[in-house]
C-alpha cells in the first residue's frame, strides 16, 4: 500500500520540544494553530499520530489528505 500525505491541524502554537514528538512530519506554526504535514505509511501510523496528539493534550481541529509538497513549497513553510 502506498503512503498517503496528510495535513493535521491542532489549535495553538506548539513549541520545539512538542514538535520533536512529530519528527517525521513538517511543522508549520501560525499565530492561532499548528499544521503537521507529511507522509504517513498507513492507517495504524495515522492512529498513532492522533493518539500522540491526544496524549500531549493538543486540541485536534482537522485531519485531511493532502497533495505532497514540492521541495520549493516545503522550503517556504
PDB file of N, CA and C in Angstrom:
ATOM      1  N   UNK A   1       0.840  -1.179   0.000  1.00  0.00           N
ATOM      2  CA  UNK A   1       0.000   0.000   0.000  1.00  0.00           C
ATOM      3  C   UNK A   1       0.885   1.243   0.000  1.00  0.00           C
ATOM      4  N   UNK A   2       0.522   2.226  -0.785  1.00  0.00           N
ATOM      5  CA  UNK A   2       1.283   3.466  -0.942  1.00  0.00           C
ATOM      6  C   UNK A   2       0.985   4.424   0.214  1.00  0.00           C
ATOM      7  N   UNK A   3       2.024   5.045   0.808  1.00  0.00           N
ATOM      8  CA  UNK A   3       1.795   6.014   1.881  1.00  0.00           C
ATOM      9  C   UNK A   3       0.961   7.199   1.383  1.00  0.00           C
ATOM     10  N   UNK A   4       0.228   7.797   2.304  1.00  0.00           N
ATOM     11  CA  UNK A   4      -0.630   8.932   1.991  1.00  0.00           C
ATOM     12  C   UNK A   4      -0.096  10.164   2.700  1.00  0.00           C
ATOM     13  N   UNK A   5      -0.197  11.293   2.050  1.00  0.00           N
ATOM     14  CA  UNK A   5       0.198  12.566   2.663  1.00  0.00           C
ATOM     15  C   UNK A   5      -1.005  13.134   3.406  1.00  0.00           C
ATOM     16  N   UNK A   6      -0.750  13.620   4.616  1.00  0.00           N
ATOM     17  CA  UNK A   6      -1.811  14.190   5.445  1.00  0.00           C
ATOM     18  C   UNK A   6      -1.412  15.577   5.921  1.00  0.00           C
ATOM     19  N   UNK A   7      -2.445  16.354   6.235  1.00  0.00           N
ATOM     20  CA  UNK A   7      -2.301  17.652   6.867  1.00  0.00           C
ATOM     21  C   UNK A   7      -3.177  17.607   8.113  1.00  0.00           C
ATOM     22  N   UNK A   8      -2.557  17.740   9.264  1.00  0.00           N
ATOM     23  CA  UNK A   8      -3.253  17.622  10.548  1.00  0.00           C
ATOM     24  C   UNK A   8      -3.106  18.960  11.266  1.00  0.00           C
ATOM     25  N   UNK A   9      -4.219  19.566  11.631  1.00  0.00           N
ATOM     26  CA  UNK A   9      -4.203  20.886  12.259  1.00  0.00           C
ATOM     27  C   UNK A   9      -4.621  20.774  13.721  1.00  0.00           C
ATOM     28  N   UNK A  10      -3.834  21.401  14.601  1.00  0.00           N
ATOM     29  CA  UNK A  10      -4.164  21.466  16.021  1.00  0.00           C
ATOM     30  C   UNK A  10      -4.253  22.933  16.436  1.00  0.00           C
ATOM     31  N   UNK A  11      -5.034  23.184  17.479  1.00  0.00           N
ATOM     32  CA  UNK A  11      -5.208  24.558  17.962  1.00  0.00           C
ATOM     33  C   UNK A  11      -3.951  25.005  18.707  1.00  0.00           C
ATOM     34  N   UNK A  12      -3.571  26.237  18.486  1.00  0.00           N
ATOM     35  CA  UNK A  12      -2.460  26.850  19.210  1.00  0.00           C
ATOM     36  C   UNK A  12      -1.103  26.625  18.564  1.00  0.00           C
ATOM     37  N   UNK A  13      -0.137  27.253  19.163  1.00  0.00           N
ATOM     38  CA  UNK A  13       1.243  27.180  18.687  1.00  0.00           C
ATOM     39  C   UNK A  13       1.988  26.152  19.533  1.00  0.00           C
ATOM     40  N   UNK A  14       2.579  25.161  18.897  1.00  0.00           N
ATOM     41  CA  UNK A  14       3.360  24.198  19.671  1.00  0.00           C
ATOM     42  C   UNK A  14       4.826  24.604  19.622  1.00  0.00           C
ATOM     43  N   UNK A  15       5.509  24.361  20.703  1.00  0.00           N
ATOM     44  CA  UNK A  15       6.922  24.715  20.796  1.00  0.00           C
ATOM     45  C   UNK A  15       7.821  23.626  20.239  1.00  0.00           C
ATOM     46  N   UNK A  16       9.108  23.908  20.185  1.00  0.00           N
ATOM     47  CA  UNK A  16      10.067  22.961  19.620  1.00  0.00           C
ATOM     48  C   UNK A  16      10.096  21.607  20.325  1.00  0.00           C
ATOM     49  N   UNK A  17       9.941  21.585  21.643  1.00  0.00           N
ATOM     50  CA  UNK A  17      10.004  20.307  22.355  1.00  0.00           C
ATOM     51  C   UNK A  17       8.821  19.401  21.992  1.00  0.00           C
ATOM     52  N   UNK A  18       7.649  19.977  21.828  1.00  0.00           N
ATOM     53  CA  UNK A  18       6.487  19.171  21.419  1.00  0.00           C
ATOM     54  C   UNK A  18       6.611  18.814  19.945  1.00  0.00           C
ATOM     55  N   UNK A  19       7.111  19.712  19.130  1.00  0.00           N
ATOM     56  CA  UNK A  19       7.285  19.428  17.700  1.00  0.00           C
ATOM     57  C   UNK A  19       8.187  18.220  17.480  1.00  0.00           C
ATOM     58  N   UNK A  20       9.144  17.996  18.393  1.00  0.00           N
ATOM     59  CA  UNK A  20      10.037  16.840  18.283  1.00  0.00           C
ATOM     60  C   UNK A  20       9.275  15.520  18.332  1.00  0.00           C
ATOM     61  N   UNK A  21       8.105  15.515  18.951  1.00  0.00           N
ATOM     62  CA  UNK A  21       7.292  14.300  19.018  1.00  0.00           C
ATOM     63  C   UNK A  21       6.745  13.912  17.651  1.00  0.00           C
ATOM     64  N   UNK A  22       6.826  14.841  16.709  1.00  0.00           N
ATOM     65  CA  UNK A  22       6.322  14.606  15.355  1.00  0.00           C
ATOM     66  C   UNK A  22       7.464  14.727  14.356  1.00  0.00           C
ATOM     67  N   UNK A  23       8.584  14.103  14.658  1.00  0.00           N
ATOM     68  CA  UNK A  23       9.808  14.276  13.873  1.00  0.00           C
ATOM     69  C   UNK A  23       9.678  13.874  12.411  1.00  0.00           C
ATOM     70  N   UNK A  24       8.739  12.997  12.087  1.00  0.00           N
ATOM     71  CA  UNK A  24       8.575  12.574  10.694  1.00  0.00           C
ATOM     72  C   UNK A  24       7.681  13.518   9.890  1.00  0.00           C
ATOM     73  N   UNK A  25       7.122  14.522  10.536  1.00  0.00           N
ATOM     74  CA  UNK A  25       6.210  15.453   9.876  1.00  0.00           C
ATOM     75  C   UNK A  25       6.803  16.860   9.890  1.00  0.00           C
ATOM     76  N   UNK A  26       6.462  17.648   8.875  1.00  0.00           N
ATOM     77  CA  UNK A  26       6.864  19.056   8.910  1.00  0.00           C
ATOM     78  C   UNK A  26       5.877  19.794   9.807  1.00  0.00           C
ATOM     79  N   UNK A  27       6.371  20.810  10.487  1.00  0.00           N
ATOM     80  CA  UNK A  27       5.557  21.566  11.438  1.00  0.00           C
ATOM     81  C   UNK A  27       5.538  23.022  11.000  1.00  0.00           C
ATOM     82  N   UNK A  28       4.333  23.548  10.774  1.00  0.00           N
ATOM     83  CA  UNK A  28       4.152  24.937  10.378  1.00  0.00           C
ATOM     84  C   UNK A  28       3.299  25.621  11.448  1.00  0.00           C
ATOM     85  N   UNK A  29       3.903  26.558  12.175  1.00  0.00           N
ATOM     86  CA  UNK A  29       3.213  27.242  13.261  1.00  0.00           C
ATOM     87  C   UNK A  29       2.714  28.592  12.765  1.00  0.00           C
ATOM     88  N   UNK A  30       1.431  28.857  12.973  1.00  0.00           N
ATOM     89  CA  UNK A  30       0.832  30.148  12.652  1.00  0.00           C
ATOM     90  C   UNK A  30       0.418  30.796  13.978  1.00  0.00           C
ATOM     91  N   UNK A  31      -0.084  32.019  13.947  1.00  0.00           N
ATOM     92  CA  UNK A  31      -0.469  32.667  15.210  1.00  0.00           C
ATOM     93  C   UNK A  31      -1.535  31.908  16.019  1.00  0.00           C
ATOM     94  N   UNK A  32      -2.408  31.162  15.355  1.00  0.00           N
ATOM     95  CA  UNK A  32      -3.516  30.528  16.082  1.00  0.00           C
ATOM     96  C   UNK A  32      -3.535  29.003  16.028  1.00  0.00           C
ATOM     97  N   UNK A  33      -2.704  28.413  15.182  1.00  0.00           N
ATOM     98  CA  UNK A  33      -2.741  26.958  15.054  1.00  0.00           C
ATOM     99  C   UNK A  33      -1.407  26.426  14.553  1.00  0.00           C
ATOM    100  N   UNK A  34      -1.278  25.111  14.603  1.00  0.00           N
ATOM    101  CA  UNK A  34      -0.084  24.439  14.091  1.00  0.00           C
ATOM    102  C   UNK A  34      -0.538  23.372  13.111  1.00  0.00           C
ATOM    103  N   UNK A  35       0.129  23.304  11.962  1.00  0.00           N
ATOM    104  CA  UNK A  35      -0.197  22.316  10.940  1.00  0.00           C
ATOM    105  C   UNK A  35       0.961  21.337  10.835  1.00  0.00           C
ATOM    106  N   UNK A  36       0.635  20.063  11.003  1.00  0.00           N
ATOM    107  CA  UNK A  36       1.587  18.973  10.832  1.00  0.00           C
ATOM    108  C   UNK A  36       1.314  18.379   9.461  1.00  0.00           C
ATOM    109  N   UNK A  37       2.349  18.227   8.661  1.00  0.00           N
ATOM    110  CA  UNK A  37       2.129  17.767   7.298  1.00  0.00           C
ATOM    111  C   UNK A  37       3.204  16.756   6.925  1.00  0.00           C
ATOM    112  N   UNK A  38       2.775  15.699   6.254  1.00  0.00           N
ATOM    113  CA  UNK A  38       3.764  14.738   5.794  1.00  0.00           C
ATOM    114  C   UNK A  38       3.155  13.427   5.391  1.00  0.00           C
ATOM    115  N   UNK A  39       4.037  12.520   5.060  1.00  0.00           N
ATOM    116  CA  UNK A  39       3.656  11.202   4.577  1.00  0.00           C
ATOM    117  C   UNK A  39       3.469  10.269   5.772  1.00  0.00           C
ATOM    118  N   UNK A  40       2.340   9.589   5.793  1.00  0.00           N
ATOM    119  CA  UNK A  40       2.050   8.620   6.850  1.00  0.00           C
ATOM    120  C   UNK A  40       1.786   7.290   6.147  1.00  0.00           C
ATOM    121  N   UNK A  41       2.518   6.232   6.533  1.00  0.00           N
ATOM    122  CA  UNK A  41       2.502   4.995   5.753  1.00  0.00           C
ATOM    123  C   UNK A  41       1.169   4.245   5.705  1.00  0.00           C
ATOM    124  N   UNK A  42       0.393   4.279   6.787  1.00  0.00           N
ATOM    125  CA  UNK A  42      -0.849   3.506   6.793  1.00  0.00           C
ATOM    126  C   UNK A  42      -1.780   4.002   7.896  1.00  0.00           C
ATOM    127  N   UNK A  43      -2.954   3.378   7.973  1.00  0.00           N
ATOM    128  CA  UNK A  43      -3.955   3.795   8.964  1.00  0.00           C
ATOM    129  C   UNK A  43      -3.452   3.629  10.395  1.00  0.00           C
ATOM    130  N   UNK A  44      -2.702   2.557  10.655  1.00  0.00           N
ATOM    131  CA  UNK A  44      -2.186   2.335  12.008  1.00  0.00           C
ATOM    132  C   UNK A  44      -1.251   3.474  12.418  1.00  0.00           C
ATOM    133  N   UNK A  45      -0.398   3.904  11.504  1.00  0.00           N
ATOM    134  CA  UNK A  45       0.512   5.015  11.796  1.00  0.00           C
ATOM    135  C   UNK A  45      -0.265   6.316  12.000  1.00  0.00           C
ATOM    136  N   UNK A  46      -1.315   6.535  11.212  1.00  0.00           N
ATOM    137  CA  UNK A  46      -2.157   7.726  11.381  1.00  0.00           C
ATOM    138  C   UNK A  46      -2.793   7.723  12.769  1.00  0.00           C
ATOM    139  N   UNK A  47      -3.313   6.582  13.185  1.00  0.00           N
ATOM    140  CA  UNK A  47      -3.902   6.489  14.521  1.00  0.00           C
ATOM    141  C   UNK A  47      -2.851   6.749  15.599  1.00  0.00           C
ATOM    142  N   UNK A  48      -1.612   6.323  15.356  1.00  0.00           N
ATOM    143  CA  UNK A  48      -0.533   6.596  16.298  1.00  0.00           C
ATOM    144  C   UNK A  48      -0.269   8.088  16.436  1.00  0.00           C
ATOM    145  N   UNK A  49      -0.276   8.806  15.323  1.00  0.00           N
ATOM    146  CA  UNK A  49      -0.076  10.263  15.361  1.00  0.00           C
ATOM    147  C   UNK A  49      -1.231  10.925  16.116  1.00  0.00           C
ATOM    148  N   UNK A  50      -2.443  10.489  15.838  1.00  0.00           N
ATOM    149  CA  UNK A  50      -3.609  11.069  16.512  1.00  0.00           C
ATOM    150  C   UNK A  50      -3.583  10.781  18.011  1.00  0.00           C
ATOM    151  N   UNK A  51      -3.140   9.589  18.401  1.00  0.00           N
ATOM    152  CA  UNK A  51      -3.022   9.255  19.818  1.00  0.00           C
ATOM    153  C   UNK A  51      -1.946  10.116  20.488  1.00  0.00           C
ATOM    154  N   UNK A  52      -0.850  10.393  19.776  1.00  0.00           N
ATOM    155  CA  UNK A  52       0.209  11.244  20.297  1.00  0.00           C
ATOM    156  C   UNK A  52      -0.332  12.652  20.535  1.00  0.00           C
ATOM    157  N   UNK A  53      -1.130  13.149  19.591  1.00  0.00           N
ATOM    158  CA  UNK A  53      -1.748  14.476  19.739  1.00  0.00           C
ATOM    159  C   UNK A  53      -2.597  14.511  21.003  1.00  0.00           C
ATOM    160  N   UNK A  54      -3.406  13.485  21.186  1.00  0.00           N
ATOM    161  CA  UNK A  54      -4.271  13.422  22.367  1.00  0.00           C
ATOM    162  C   UNK A  54      -3.453  13.323  23.656  1.00  0.00           C
ATOM    163  N   UNK A  55      -2.423  12.482  23.655  1.00  0.00           N
ATOM    164  CA  UNK A  55      -1.622  12.296  24.870  1.00  0.00           C
ATOM    165  C   UNK A  55      -0.860  13.561  25.263  1.00  0.00           C
ATOM    166  N   UNK A  56      -0.566  14.419  24.294  1.00  0.00           N
ATOM    167  CA  UNK A  56       0.114  15.685  24.581  1.00  0.00           C
ATOM    168  C   UNK A  56      -0.869  16.794  24.974  1.00  0.00           C
ATOM    169  N   UNK A  57      -2.162  16.467  24.965  1.00  0.00           N
ATOM    170  CA  UNK A  57      -3.175  17.446  25.367  1.00  0.00           C
ATOM    171  C   UNK A  57      -3.463  18.499  24.320  1.00  0.00           C
ATOM    172  N   UNK A  58      -3.146  18.193  23.053  1.00  0.00           N
ATOM    173  CA  UNK A  58      -3.412  19.138  21.970  1.00  0.00           C
ATOM    174  C   UNK A  58      -4.837  18.968  21.468  1.00  0.00           C
ATOM    175  N   UNK A  59      -5.434  20.066  21.041  1.00  0.00           N
ATOM    176  CA  UNK A  59      -6.797  20.025  20.510  1.00  0.00           C
ATOM    177  C   UNK A  59      -6.747  19.843  18.989  1.00  0.00           C
ATOM    178  N   UNK A  60      -7.259  18.719  18.535  1.00  0.00           N
ATOM    179  CA  UNK A  60      -7.288  18.408  17.104  1.00  0.00           C
ATOM    180  C   UNK A  60      -8.387  19.217  16.431  1.00  0.00           C
ATOM    181  N   UNK A  61      -8.033  19.936  15.365  1.00  0.00           N
ATOM    182  CA  UNK A  61      -9.014  20.727  14.622  1.00  0.00           C
ATOM    183  C   UNK A  61      -9.397  20.081  13.296  1.00  0.00           C
ATOM    184  N   UNK A  62      -8.423  19.457  12.612  1.00  0.00           N
ATOM    185  CA  UNK A  62      -8.709  18.951  11.270  1.00  0.00           C
ATOM    186  C   UNK A  62      -7.678  17.901  10.872  1.00  0.00           C
ATOM    187  N   UNK A  63      -8.143  16.901  10.136  1.00  0.00           N
ATOM    188  CA  UNK A  63      -7.275  15.901   9.518  1.00  0.00           C
ATOM    189  C   UNK A  63      -7.753  15.759   8.089  1.00  0.00           C
ATOM    190  N   UNK A  64      -6.822  15.915   7.146  1.00  0.00           N
ATOM    191  CA  UNK A  64      -7.213  15.767   5.740  1.00  0.00           C
ATOM    192  C   UNK A  64      -6.063  15.210   4.929  1.00  0.00           C
ATOM    193  N   UNK A  65      -6.429  14.504   3.876  1.00  0.00           N
ATOM    194  CA  UNK A  65      -5.417  14.065   2.916  1.00  0.00           C
ATOM    195  C   UNK A  65      -4.922  15.288   2.179  1.00  0.00           C
ATOM    196  N   UNK A  66      -3.648  15.294   1.847  1.00  0.00           N
ATOM    197  CA  UNK A  66      -3.064  16.445   1.168  1.00  0.00           C
ATOM    198  C   UNK A  66      -2.170  15.979   0.031  1.00  0.00           C
ATOM    199  N   UNK A  67      -1.996  16.839  -0.938  1.00  0.00           N
ATOM    200  CA  UNK A  67      -1.043  16.569  -2.007  1.00  0.00           C
ATOM    201  C   UNK A  67       0.355  16.737  -1.443  1.00  0.00           C
ATOM    202  N   UNK A  68       1.298  15.925  -1.894  1.00  0.00           N
ATOM    203  CA  UNK A  68       2.675  16.100  -1.419  1.00  0.00           C
ATOM    204  C   UNK A  68       3.210  17.478  -1.806  1.00  0.00           C
ATOM    205  N   UNK A  69       3.988  18.068  -0.916  1.00  0.00           N
ATOM    206  CA  UNK A  69       4.615  19.357  -1.207  1.00  0.00           C
ATOM    207  C   UNK A  69       5.784  19.144  -2.153  1.00  0.00           C
ATOM    208  N   UNK A  70       5.960  20.082  -3.036  1.00  0.00           N
ATOM    209  CA  UNK A  70       7.191  20.071  -3.817  1.00  0.00           C
ATOM    210  C   UNK A  70       8.300  20.570  -2.896  1.00  0.00           C
ATOM    211  N   UNK A  71       9.528  20.356  -3.243  1.00  0.00           N
ATOM    212  CA  UNK A  71      10.645  20.794  -2.406  1.00  0.00           C
ATOM    213  C   UNK A  71      10.613  22.307  -2.196  1.00  0.00           C
ATOM    214  N   UNK A  72      10.271  23.080  -3.217  1.00  0.00           N
ATOM    215  CA  UNK A  72      10.205  24.540  -3.104  1.00  0.00           C
ATOM    216  C   UNK A  72       9.108  24.952  -2.137  1.00  0.00           C
ATOM    217  N   UNK A  73       7.944  24.302  -2.211  1.00  0.00           N
ATOM    218  CA  UNK A  73       6.848  24.617  -1.291  1.00  0.00           C
ATOM    219  C   UNK A  73       7.234  24.295   0.146  1.00  0.00           C
ATOM    220  N   UNK A  74       7.906  23.185   0.343  1.00  0.00           N
ATOM    221  CA  UNK A  74       8.319  22.791   1.680  1.00  0.00           C
ATOM    222  C   UNK A  74       9.282  23.805   2.274  1.00  0.00           C
ATOM    223  N   UNK A  75      10.163  24.372   1.459  1.00  0.00           N
ATOM    224  CA  UNK A  75      11.112  25.359   1.944  1.00  0.00           C
ATOM    225  C   UNK A  75      10.448  26.679   2.303  1.00  0.00           C
ATOM    226  N   UNK A  76       9.288  26.967   1.705  1.00  0.00           N
ATOM    227  CA  UNK A  76       8.556  28.206   2.006  1.00  0.00           C
ATOM    228  C   UNK A  76       7.838  28.137   3.337  1.00  0.00           C
ATOM    229  N   UNK A  77       7.582  26.949   3.833  1.00  0.00           N
ATOM    230  CA  UNK A  77       6.808  26.789   5.075  1.00  0.00           C
ATOM    231  C   UNK A  77       7.642  26.960   6.302  1.00  0.00           C
TER     232      UNK A  77
END
